[in-house]
Amino acid sequence: MRTLARGSRRINYRGNTLPFAPKWTGSADASYEIPLGDHSLSFNTNWSIRSRIFFNPDKRPESDDPSRAIGNVRVSYGQADGSWRLRS
């Protein structure tokens, strides 16, 4: 068993994850383009997801950041050859 002394008490860190390190992460991207003659309309999205993280090795609830997913969506229109493009 691995313990570290902190002040006058001993704390067992066995089984705890590293601070700032989620147990798992994932990401996904998708794109779709519609040709419109000399132009094109594109739809893009990307997503990132991760598990809860702790900011210290004690895993105290007041020092955590919950699991989260973050996503982006983009629509663009422009020349099919890519010479110009409007993005939103």
PDB file of N, CA and C in Angstrom:
ATOM      1  N   MET A   1       0.848  -1.174   0.000  1.00  0.00           N
ATOM      2  CA  MET A   1       0.000   0.000   0.000  1.00  0.00           C
ATOM      3  C   MET A   1       0.891   1.234   0.000  1.00  0.00           C
ATOM      4  N   ARG A   2       0.551   2.170  -0.819  1.00  0.00           N
ATOM      5  CA  ARG A   2       1.352   3.373  -0.939  1.00  0.00           C
ATOM      6  C   ARG A   2       0.680   4.508  -0.181  1.00  0.00           C
ATOM      7  N   THR A   3       1.374   5.130   0.742  1.00  0.00           N
ATOM      8  CA  THR A   3       0.820   6.245   1.496  1.00  0.00           C
ATOM      9  C   THR A   3       1.817   7.378   1.503  1.00  0.00           C
ATOM     10  N   LEU A   4       1.297   8.544   1.651  1.00  0.00           N
ATOM     11  CA  LEU A   4       2.130   9.734   1.775  1.00  0.00           C
ATOM     12  C   LEU A   4       1.726  10.463   3.046  1.00  0.00           C
ATOM     13  N   ALA A   5       2.686  11.002   3.746  1.00  0.00           N
ATOM     14  CA  ALA A   5       2.381  11.764   4.959  1.00  0.00           C
ATOM     15  C   ALA A   5       2.011  13.190   4.569  1.00  0.00           C
ATOM     16  N   ARG A   6       0.922  13.651   5.127  1.00  0.00           N
ATOM     17  CA  ARG A   6       0.507  15.032   4.889  1.00  0.00           C
ATOM     18  C   ARG A   6       0.174  15.628   6.247  1.00  0.00           C
ATOM     19  N   GLY A   7       1.018  16.499   6.711  1.00  0.00           N
ATOM     20  CA  GLY A   7       0.828  17.036   8.048  1.00  0.00           C
ATOM     21  C   GLY A   7       0.967  15.925   9.075  1.00  0.00           C
ATOM     22  N   SER A   8      -0.053  15.751   9.923  1.00  0.00           N
ATOM     23  CA  SER A   8      -0.005  14.723  10.956  1.00  0.00           C
ATOM     24  C   SER A   8      -0.807  13.482  10.584  1.00  0.00           C
ATOM     25  N   ARG A   9      -1.322  13.381   9.364  1.00  0.00           N
ATOM     26  CA  ARG A   9      -2.098  12.205   8.972  1.00  0.00           C
ATOM     27  C   ARG A   9      -1.482  11.545   7.744  1.00  0.00           C
ATOM     28  N   ARG A  10      -1.803  10.269   7.574  1.00  0.00           N
ATOM     29  CA  ARG A  10      -1.319   9.521   6.408  1.00  0.00           C
ATOM     30  C   ARG A  10      -2.496   9.302   5.479  1.00  0.00           C
ATOM     31  N   ILE A  11      -2.277   9.495   4.184  1.00  0.00           N
ATOM     32  CA  ILE A  11      -3.334   9.361   3.191  1.00  0.00           C
ATOM     33  C   ILE A  11      -2.979   8.234   2.232  1.00  0.00           C
ATOM     34  N   ASN A  12      -3.930   7.358   1.971  1.00  0.00           N
ATOM     35  CA  ASN A  12      -3.734   6.256   1.034  1.00  0.00           C
ATOM     36  C   ASN A  12      -4.204   6.720  -0.350  1.00  0.00           C
ATOM     37  N   TYR A  13      -3.295   6.801  -1.320  1.00  0.00           N
ATOM     38  CA  TYR A  13      -3.632   7.243  -2.683  1.00  0.00           C
ATOM     39  C   TYR A  13      -3.838   6.070  -3.630  1.00  0.00           C
ATOM     40  N   ARG A  14      -3.861   4.852  -3.125  1.00  0.00           N
ATOM     41  CA  ARG A  14      -4.011   3.668  -3.963  1.00  0.00           C
ATOM     42  C   ARG A  14      -5.323   3.723  -4.742  1.00  0.00           C
ATOM     43  N   GLY A  15      -5.258   3.511  -6.057  1.00  0.00           N
ATOM     44  CA  GLY A  15      -6.450   3.501  -6.904  1.00  0.00           C
ATOM     45  C   GLY A  15      -6.895   4.871  -7.382  1.00  0.00           C
ATOM     46  N   ASN A  16      -6.290   5.926  -6.890  1.00  0.00           N
ATOM     47  CA  ASN A  16      -6.666   7.268  -7.344  1.00  0.00           C
ATOM     48  C   ASN A  16      -6.038   7.574  -8.691  1.00  0.00           C
ATOM     49  N   THR A  17      -6.730   8.363  -9.477  1.00  0.00           N
ATOM     50  CA  THR A  17      -6.193   8.781 -10.775  1.00  0.00           C
ATOM     51  C   THR A  17      -5.276   9.986 -10.592  1.00  0.00           C
ATOM     52  N   LEU A  18      -4.488  10.272 -11.582  1.00  0.00           N
ATOM     53  CA  LEU A  18      -3.626  11.446 -11.545  1.00  0.00           C
ATOM     54  C   LEU A  18      -4.472  12.710 -11.614  1.00  0.00           C
ATOM     55  N   PRO A  19      -4.057  13.771 -10.922  1.00  0.00           N
ATOM     56  CA  PRO A  19      -4.787  15.033 -11.038  1.00  0.00           C
ATOM     57  C   PRO A  19      -4.786  15.510 -12.493  1.00  0.00           C
ATOM     58  N   PHE A  20      -5.877  16.125 -12.900  1.00  0.00           N
ATOM     59  CA  PHE A  20      -6.063  16.698 -14.242  1.00  0.00           C
ATOM     60  C   PHE A  20      -6.095  15.652 -15.358  1.00  0.00           C
ATOM     61  N   ALA A  21      -6.193  14.364 -15.019  1.00  0.00           N
ATOM     62  CA  ALA A  21      -6.178  13.301 -16.030  1.00  0.00           C
ATOM     63  C   ALA A  21      -7.520  12.573 -16.043  1.00  0.00           C
ATOM     64  N   PRO A  22      -8.333  12.755 -17.090  1.00  0.00           N
ATOM     65  CA  PRO A  22      -9.600  12.028 -17.164  1.00  0.00           C
ATOM     66  C   PRO A  22      -9.351  10.534 -17.391  1.00  0.00           C
ATOM     67  N   LYS A  23     -10.309   9.703 -16.975  1.00  0.00           N
ATOM     68  CA  LYS A  23     -10.186   8.259 -17.217  1.00  0.00           C
ATOM     69  C   LYS A  23     -10.278   7.965 -18.700  1.00  0.00           C
ATOM     70  N   TRP A  24     -11.098   8.726 -19.431  1.00  0.00           N
ATOM     71  CA  TRP A  24     -11.257   8.505 -20.864  1.00  0.00           C
ATOM     72  C   TRP A  24     -11.579   9.813 -21.570  1.00  0.00           C
ATOM     73  N   THR A  25     -11.236   9.863 -22.855  1.00  0.00           N
ATOM     74  CA  THR A  25     -11.571  10.990 -23.729  1.00  0.00           C
ATOM     75  C   THR A  25     -11.977  10.428 -25.090  1.00  0.00           C
ATOM     76  N   GLY A  26     -12.677  11.222 -25.853  1.00  0.00           N
ATOM     77  CA  GLY A  26     -13.061  10.807 -27.195  1.00  0.00           C
ATOM     78  C   GLY A  26     -13.391  12.009 -28.051  1.00  0.00           C
ATOM     79  N   SER A  27     -13.346  11.831 -29.347  1.00  0.00           N
ATOM     80  CA  SER A  27     -13.699  12.918 -30.252  1.00  0.00           C
ATOM     81  C   SER A  27     -14.235  12.331 -31.561  1.00  0.00           C
ATOM     82  N   ALA A  28     -15.024  13.146 -32.245  1.00  0.00           N
ATOM     83  CA  ALA A  28     -15.594  12.727 -33.529  1.00  0.00           C
ATOM     84  C   ALA A  28     -15.774  13.953 -34.413  1.00  0.00           C
ATOM     85  N   ASP A  29     -15.590  13.771 -35.710  1.00  0.00           N
ATOM     86  CA  ASP A  29     -15.778  14.821 -36.713  1.00  0.00           C
ATOM     87  C   ASP A  29     -16.627  14.269 -37.838  1.00  0.00           C
ATOM     88  N   ALA A  30     -17.435  15.144 -38.432  1.00  0.00           N
ATOM     89  CA  ALA A  30     -18.227  14.748 -39.591  1.00  0.00           C
ATOM     90  C   ALA A  30     -18.369  15.938 -40.529  1.00  0.00           C
ATOM     91  N   SER A  31     -18.351  15.673 -41.829  1.00  0.00           N
ATOM     92  CA  SER A  31     -18.511  16.709 -42.853  1.00  0.00           C
ATOM     93  C   SER A  31     -19.408  16.189 -43.964  1.00  0.00           C
ATOM     94  N   TYR A  32     -20.159  17.117 -44.562  1.00  0.00           N
ATOM     95  CA  TYR A  32     -21.003  16.766 -45.701  1.00  0.00           C
ATOM     96  C   TYR A  32     -21.019  17.955 -46.648  1.00  0.00           C
ATOM     97  N   GLU A  33     -20.792  17.706 -47.926  1.00  0.00           N
ATOM     98  CA  GLU A  33     -20.742  18.790 -48.913  1.00  0.00           C
ATOM     99  C   GLU A  33     -21.763  18.528 -50.019  1.00  0.00           C
ATOM    100  N   ILE A  34     -22.497  19.596 -50.366  1.00  0.00           N
ATOM    101  CA  ILE A  34     -23.485  19.515 -51.440  1.00  0.00           C
ATOM    102  C   ILE A  34     -22.984  20.370 -52.606  1.00  0.00           C
ATOM    103  N   PRO A  35     -22.712  19.771 -53.765  1.00  0.00           N
ATOM    104  CA  PRO A  35     -22.291  20.559 -54.922  1.00  0.00           C
ATOM    105  C   PRO A  35     -23.485  21.329 -55.494  1.00  0.00           C
ATOM    106  N   LEU A  36     -23.259  22.593 -55.821  1.00  0.00           N
ATOM    107  CA  LEU A  36     -24.292  23.445 -56.408  1.00  0.00           C
ATOM    108  C   LEU A  36     -23.717  24.136 -57.645  1.00  0.00           C
ATOM    109  N   GLY A  37     -23.491  23.392 -58.686  1.00  0.00           N
ATOM    110  CA  GLY A  37     -22.863  23.946 -59.897  1.00  0.00           C
ATOM    111  C   GLY A  37     -21.429  24.338 -59.617  1.00  0.00           C
ATOM    112  N   ASP A  38     -21.106  25.643 -59.815  1.00  0.00           N
ATOM    113  CA  ASP A  38     -19.757  26.156 -59.547  1.00  0.00           C
ATOM    114  C   ASP A  38     -19.525  26.429 -58.059  1.00  0.00           C
ATOM    115  N   HIS A  39     -20.529  26.226 -57.248  1.00  0.00           N
ATOM    116  CA  HIS A  39     -20.442  26.511 -55.815  1.00  0.00           C
ATOM    117  C   HIS A  39     -20.696  25.231 -55.021  1.00  0.00           C
ATOM    118  N   SER A  40     -20.543  25.339 -53.713  1.00  0.00           N
ATOM    119  CA  SER A  40     -20.849  24.198 -52.839  1.00  0.00           C
ATOM    120  C   SER A  40     -21.302  24.709 -51.472  1.00  0.00           C
ATOM    121  N   LEU A  41     -22.099  23.902 -50.828  1.00  0.00           N
ATOM    122  CA  LEU A  41     -22.589  24.179 -49.482  1.00  0.00           C
ATOM    123  C   LEU A  41     -22.071  23.043 -48.596  1.00  0.00           C
ATOM    124  N   SER A  42     -21.410  23.396 -47.488  1.00  0.00           N
ATOM    125  CA  SER A  42     -20.794  22.392 -46.618  1.00  0.00           C
ATOM    126  C   SER A  42     -21.320  22.499 -45.197  1.00  0.00           C
ATOM    127  N   PHE A  43     -21.446  21.346 -44.561  1.00  0.00           N
ATOM    128  CA  PHE A  43     -21.835  21.262 -43.157  1.00  0.00           C
ATOM    129  C   PHE A  43     -20.753  20.468 -42.435  1.00  0.00           C
ATOM    130  N   ASN A  44     -20.266  21.005 -41.324  1.00  0.00           N
ATOM    131  CA  ASN A  44     -19.209  20.348 -40.552  1.00  0.00           C
ATOM    132  C   ASN A  44     -19.576  20.383 -39.074  1.00  0.00           C
ATOM    133  N   THR A  45     -19.198  19.345 -38.359  1.00  0.00           N
ATOM    134  CA  THR A  45     -19.363  19.323 -36.906  1.00  0.00           C
ATOM    135  C   THR A  45     -18.209  18.540 -36.292  1.00  0.00           C
ATOM    136  N   ASN A  46     -17.818  18.931 -35.093  1.00  0.00           N
ATOM    137  CA  ASN A  46     -16.825  18.168 -34.345  1.00  0.00           C
ATOM    138  C   ASN A  46     -17.189  18.197 -32.870  1.00  0.00           C
ATOM    139  N   TRP A  47     -16.921  17.089 -32.203  1.00  0.00           N
ATOM    140  CA  TRP A  47     -17.291  16.921 -30.801  1.00  0.00           C
ATOM    141  C   TRP A  47     -16.141  16.316 -30.020  1.00  0.00           C
ATOM    142  N   SER A  48     -16.023  16.748 -28.780  1.00  0.00           N
ATOM    143  CA  SER A  48     -15.026  16.211 -27.859  1.00  0.00           C
ATOM    144  C   SER A  48     -15.738  15.895 -26.546  1.00  0.00           C
ATOM    145  N   ILE A  49     -15.412  14.762 -25.954  1.00  0.00           N
ATOM    146  CA  ILE A  49     -16.039  14.355 -24.697  1.00  0.00           C
ATOM    147  C   ILE A  49     -14.959  13.790 -23.783  1.00  0.00           C
ATOM    148  N   ARG A  50     -15.123  14.014 -22.476  1.00  0.00           N
ATOM    149  CA  ARG A  50     -14.158  13.480 -21.515  1.00  0.00           C
ATOM    150  C   ARG A  50     -14.858  13.173 -20.201  1.00  0.00           C
ATOM    151  N   SER A  51     -14.248  12.292 -19.430  1.00  0.00           N
ATOM    152  CA  SER A  51     -14.786  11.942 -18.120  1.00  0.00           C
ATOM    153  C   SER A  51     -14.406  13.015 -17.097  1.00  0.00           C
ATOM    154  N   ARG A  52     -14.961  12.875 -15.936  1.00  0.00           N
ATOM    155  CA  ARG A  52     -14.709  13.789 -14.815  1.00  0.00           C
ATOM    156  C   ARG A  52     -13.219  13.828 -14.483  1.00  0.00           C
ATOM    157  N   ILE A  53     -12.738  14.993 -14.061  1.00  0.00           N
ATOM    158  CA  ILE A  53     -11.343  15.120 -13.626  1.00  0.00           C
ATOM    159  C   ILE A  53     -11.300  15.706 -12.218  1.00  0.00           C
ATOM    160  N   PHE A  54     -10.243  15.399 -11.520  1.00  0.00           N
ATOM    161  CA  PHE A  54     -10.001  15.961 -10.196  1.00  0.00           C
ATOM    162  C   PHE A  54      -8.766  16.843 -10.271  1.00  0.00           C
ATOM    163  N   PHE A  55      -8.742  17.873  -9.423  1.00  0.00           N
ATOM    164  CA  PHE A  55      -7.628  18.808  -9.426  1.00  0.00           C
ATOM    165  C   PHE A  55      -6.595  18.498  -8.349  1.00  0.00           C
ATOM    166  N   ASN A  56      -6.847  17.455  -7.549  1.00  0.00           N
ATOM    167  CA  ASN A  56      -5.860  17.046  -6.553  1.00  0.00           C
ATOM    168  C   ASN A  56      -5.944  15.526  -6.385  1.00  0.00           C
ATOM    169  N   PRO A  57      -4.952  14.897  -5.807  1.00  0.00           N
ATOM    170  CA  PRO A  57      -4.948  13.432  -5.688  1.00  0.00           C
ATOM    171  C   PRO A  57      -5.919  12.895  -4.625  1.00  0.00           C
ATOM    172  N   ASP A  58      -6.507  13.744  -3.798  1.00  0.00           N
ATOM    173  CA  ASP A  58      -7.422  13.297  -2.745  1.00  0.00           C
ATOM    174  C   ASP A  58      -8.813  12.961  -3.277  1.00  0.00           C
ATOM    175  N   LYS A  59      -9.132  13.330  -4.501  1.00  0.00           N
ATOM    176  CA  LYS A  59     -10.453  13.112  -5.118  1.00  0.00           C
ATOM    177  C   LYS A  59     -11.578  13.740  -4.295  1.00  0.00           C
ATOM    178  N   ARG A  60     -11.341  14.914  -3.756  1.00  0.00           N
ATOM    179  CA  ARG A  60     -12.391  15.607  -3.003  1.00  0.00           C
ATOM    180  C   ARG A  60     -13.405  16.177  -3.989  1.00  0.00           C
ATOM    181  N   PRO A  61     -14.705  16.028  -3.707  1.00  0.00           N
ATOM    182  CA  PRO A  61     -15.742  16.510  -4.629  1.00  0.00           C
ATOM    183  C   PRO A  61     -15.663  18.009  -4.918  1.00  0.00           C
ATOM    184  N   GLU A  62     -15.176  18.784  -3.961  1.00  0.00           N
ATOM    185  CA  GLU A  62     -15.090  20.230  -4.195  1.00  0.00           C
ATOM    186  C   GLU A  62     -13.959  20.601  -5.145  1.00  0.00           C
ATOM    187  N   SER A  63     -13.129  19.634  -5.501  1.00  0.00           N
ATOM    188  CA  SER A  63     -12.011  19.929  -6.399  1.00  0.00           C
ATOM    189  C   SER A  63     -12.113  19.113  -7.690  1.00  0.00           C
ATOM    190  N   ASP A  64     -13.339  18.956  -8.216  1.00  0.00           N
ATOM    191  CA  ASP A  64     -13.487  18.203  -9.459  1.00  0.00           C
ATOM    192  C   ASP A  64     -14.166  19.042 -10.534  1.00  0.00           C
ATOM    193  N   ASP A  65     -14.089  18.567 -11.740  1.00  0.00           N
ATOM    194  CA  ASP A  65     -14.783  19.175 -12.881  1.00  0.00           C
ATOM    195  C   ASP A  65     -15.573  18.032 -13.517  1.00  0.00           C
ATOM    196  N   PRO A  66     -16.901  18.169 -13.621  1.00  0.00           N
ATOM    197  CA  PRO A  66     -17.711  17.045 -14.113  1.00  0.00           C
ATOM    198  C   PRO A  66     -17.413  16.683 -15.565  1.00  0.00           C
ATOM    199  N   SER A  67     -17.873  15.494 -15.951  1.00  0.00           N
ATOM    200  CA  SER A  67     -17.744  15.064 -17.347  1.00  0.00           C
ATOM    201  C   SER A  67     -18.376  16.101 -18.249  1.00  0.00           C
ATOM    202  N   ARG A  68     -17.853  16.230 -19.460  1.00  0.00           N
ATOM    203  CA  ARG A  68     -18.443  17.213 -20.374  1.00  0.00           C
ATOM    204  C   ARG A  68     -18.216  16.841 -21.824  1.00  0.00           C
ATOM    205  N   ALA A  69     -19.130  17.347 -22.630  1.00  0.00           N
ATOM    206  CA  ALA A  69     -19.022  17.216 -24.085  1.00  0.00           C
ATOM    207  C   ALA A  69     -19.054  18.627 -24.661  1.00  0.00           C
ATOM    208  N   ILE A  70     -18.192  18.891 -25.605  1.00  0.00           N
ATOM    209  CA  ILE A  70     -18.122  20.203 -26.263  1.00  0.00           C
ATOM    210  C   ILE A  70     -18.212  19.969 -27.756  1.00  0.00           C
ATOM    211  N   GLY A  71     -19.091  20.718 -28.411  1.00  0.00           N
ATOM    212  CA  GLY A  71     -19.275  20.529 -29.846  1.00  0.00           C
ATOM    213  C   GLY A  71     -19.293  21.839 -30.613  1.00  0.00           C
ATOM    214  N   ASN A  72     -18.994  21.752 -31.878  1.00  0.00           N
ATOM    215  CA  ASN A  72     -19.019  22.889 -32.797  1.00  0.00           C
ATOM    216  C   ASN A  72     -19.736  22.474 -34.074  1.00  0.00           C
ATOM    217  N   VAL A  73     -20.420  23.447 -34.675  1.00  0.00           N
ATOM    218  CA  VAL A  73     -21.093  23.223 -35.952  1.00  0.00           C
ATOM    219  C   VAL A  73     -20.708  24.381 -36.867  1.00  0.00           C
ATOM    220  N   ARG A  74     -20.464  24.077 -38.144  1.00  0.00           N
ATOM    221  CA  ARG A  74     -20.105  25.119 -39.104  1.00  0.00           C
ATOM    222  C   ARG A  74     -20.820  24.849 -40.426  1.00  0.00           C
ATOM    223  N   VAL A  75     -21.324  25.924 -41.002  1.00  0.00           N
ATOM    224  CA  VAL A  75     -21.936  25.873 -42.330  1.00  0.00           C
ATOM    225  C   VAL A  75     -21.131  26.828 -43.210  1.00  0.00           C
ATOM    226  N   SER A  76     -20.807  26.394 -44.416  1.00  0.00           N
ATOM    227  CA  SER A  76     -20.055  27.276 -45.315  1.00  0.00           C
ATOM    228  C   SER A  76     -20.586  27.167 -46.741  1.00  0.00           C
ATOM    229  N   TYR A  77     -20.385  28.256 -47.480  1.00  0.00           N
ATOM    230  CA  TYR A  77     -20.820  28.344 -48.875  1.00  0.00           C
ATOM    231  C   TYR A  77     -19.713  29.038 -49.650  1.00  0.00           C
ATOM    232  N   GLY A  78     -19.418  28.550 -50.846  1.00  0.00           N
ATOM    233  CA  GLY A  78     -18.378  29.196 -51.635  1.00  0.00           C
ATOM    234  C   GLY A  78     -18.139  28.515 -52.953  1.00  0.00           C
ATOM    235  N   GLN A  79     -17.100  28.968 -53.635  1.00  0.00           N
ATOM    236  CA  GLN A  79     -16.696  28.402 -54.920  1.00  0.00           C
ATOM    237  C   GLN A  79     -16.274  26.947 -54.725  1.00  0.00           C
ATOM    238  N   ALA A  80     -16.654  26.091 -55.630  1.00  0.00           N
ATOM    239  CA  ALA A  80     -16.293  24.677 -55.558  1.00  0.00           C
ATOM    240  C   ALA A  80     -14.774  24.489 -55.599  1.00  0.00           C
ATOM    241  N   ASP A  81     -14.052  25.385 -56.283  1.00  0.00           N
ATOM    242  CA  ASP A  81     -12.587  25.256 -56.372  1.00  0.00           C
ATOM    243  C   ASP A  81     -11.885  25.796 -55.113  1.00  0.00           C
ATOM    244  N   GLY A  82     -12.644  26.333 -54.171  1.00  0.00           N
ATOM    245  CA  GLY A  82     -12.055  26.815 -52.918  1.00  0.00           C
ATOM    246  C   GLY A  82     -11.448  28.203 -52.992  1.00  0.00           C
ATOM    247  N   SER A  83     -11.655  28.946 -54.089  1.00  0.00           N
ATOM    248  CA  SER A  83     -11.036  30.280 -54.207  1.00  0.00           C
ATOM    249  C   SER A  83     -11.617  31.270 -53.215  1.00  0.00           C
ATOM    250  N   TRP A  84     -12.865  31.086 -52.781  1.00  0.00           N
ATOM    251  CA  TRP A  84     -13.433  31.891 -51.701  1.00  0.00           C
ATOM    252  C   TRP A  84     -14.499  31.069 -50.980  1.00  0.00           C
ATOM    253  N   ARG A  85     -14.760  31.426 -49.722  1.00  0.00           N
ATOM    254  CA  ARG A  85     -15.698  30.665 -48.899  1.00  0.00           C
ATOM    255  C   ARG A  85     -16.242  31.555 -47.791  1.00  0.00           C
ATOM    256  N   LEU A  86     -17.535  31.521 -47.558  1.00  0.00           N
ATOM    257  CA  LEU A  86     -18.180  32.202 -46.426  1.00  0.00           C
ATOM    258  C   LEU A  86     -18.483  31.143 -45.384  1.00  0.00           C
ATOM    259  N   ARG A  87     -18.099  31.409 -44.155  1.00  0.00           N
ATOM    260  CA  ARG A  87     -18.301  30.424 -43.087  1.00  0.00           C
ATOM    261  C   ARG A  87     -19.071  31.038 -41.933  1.00  0.00           C
ATOM    262  N   SER A  88     -19.906  30.242 -41.328  1.00  0.00           N
ATOM    263  CA  SER A  88     -20.672  30.681 -40.175  1.00  0.00           C
ATOM    264  C   SER A  88     -20.551  29.639 -39.093  1.00  0.00           C
TER     265      SER A  88
END
